[in-house]
């Protein structure tokens, strides 16, 4: 292995580490410090937050950093508690070290308000990242639920609980394209 090969390998490992830190900060802020300005700063100017699966039935993609900031500014009105547990990270960095894609499996505990429902969600994050001004930023979040159900009911009977209305849909529930 040449010195140049080693430098490129180290740079890719550093990029993967930095991307993991951006994702961890995003989840921390969403759960513990939902400051919309801090969250928006993690995104590129033309970023997209895209719901998939059942969530896409109720929410359209959010385009642009400012719109994402507004999305998170209203989070505390509908969610009084959140805890993301992510695992199985796969982060692929482009050869030019300017773009990346990351995937995480997540278990999420949350309390939806009005009406109050304690929800357990199993989902995937499939995100694009871009290197801008020496920092990695989120360019696109694709959040796809596998299960989302009221904690007290379990997942055998309920496939999806609406984050908007709190309504439960029986298994297998609605599907989104």
Foldseek 3Di string as FASTA:
>chain_A
DDPVVVVLVVLQVVLVVQVVVLVVVLQCCLFPNLQLVVNLVQADQFAKEQEFKPQCVPDHIQTGSVSSSVVSVCSCVFWVGKDKDWDDWDKDADSVRFKIKIKIWIWMWTFTVPPTFTKIWTWMWIWMWGQDPNHIHTRYTYIYTQAIDGPVPDGQFFRHADSVNRDTAGPPGDTDD
